[in-house]
Amino acid sequence: MELPLFPLHTVLCPGIALPLHIFEERYREMVRHCLDTASPFGIALITEGREVGGGSISFARLGTVAEIRQVGRYPDGRFDLLVVGTRRFTVESVAADRRPYLVGDVTELDEPVGDEELARSLANRATRRFVRYLELLQPRNGETAEEIDVRVEIETEVAGGEASPHGDDPSLLADEGPERRVVIPDDPTTLSYLLAGILQVELPRRQALLEAESTEDRLRELLGLIEREIALLGRRWRAFTPGPAGLGPRRS
């Protein structure tokens, strides 16, 4: 299928929400096209080159379909978007002369689980270790730390009621009227992408998680990365400082 492509210095995982500020004319046209046709676009990690301005770039062949969930328009034609990753694709070919932005001929990917019983066991273990990782991210006495700004699309449920999708910062859930609880995904694939999108690792490592051949493989890689981060944080060998790619909306 054809898909407008938006290369960025970021990796979007399925289930993760990403704010974008669109100011370049070519991407304004892309957004107008997507809004007019109610269609998504694709986000792929830039491996060489810049995401703003001209010049040649190289980007990963495997990316994620981004669906527009919220739109803000400025009088001068700029957009603020909130998009959510939905499914993975691979780029078969790219047309650079059809529109001002790149258009790819892409194939959507299946999501093989691998060994289902083992995947569920790995998911349970990864969840427990991720909780420990989050505990260690909290500043100790005398330390300061910036808040990690990661948005996810998760399910919440009203106490005593039914679950419903929610696409926003989980830290805001407690302020939304009726008491809500975050519903931790019980599907290993959904959970694997959720953790891959939140874990604060380098972009090539996150891209490798996105490209994992199965959920089982992704969870194995995640566990190794979580254990590495726990070891580093436990010894306070590094103080995490989010870079530009992890804070605020992407600009292009």
Foldseek 3Di string as FASTA:
>chain_A
DKAFEQEDQFAAFAQWKAKAKEDDPQVLVVVVVCVVVVHWHWYWYWPDDHRDDDDDTDTAQKGFTWGWDDWDADPVSMIITITGTHFMKGFPDWDCPPGVTIMTDIDTDDAAAPPQVLLLVLLVVLVVLVVLLVVLLDDDVPDDADDFDIWGWFWKAFVVGDIDIDTGRPVCQCVDPGGIDTDQDSRLQVSLRVLLRRDDDRRVLSVVLNVDPHSSRSSVSSVVVSVVSSVCSVVVVDNDDDDPNRDDHHYD
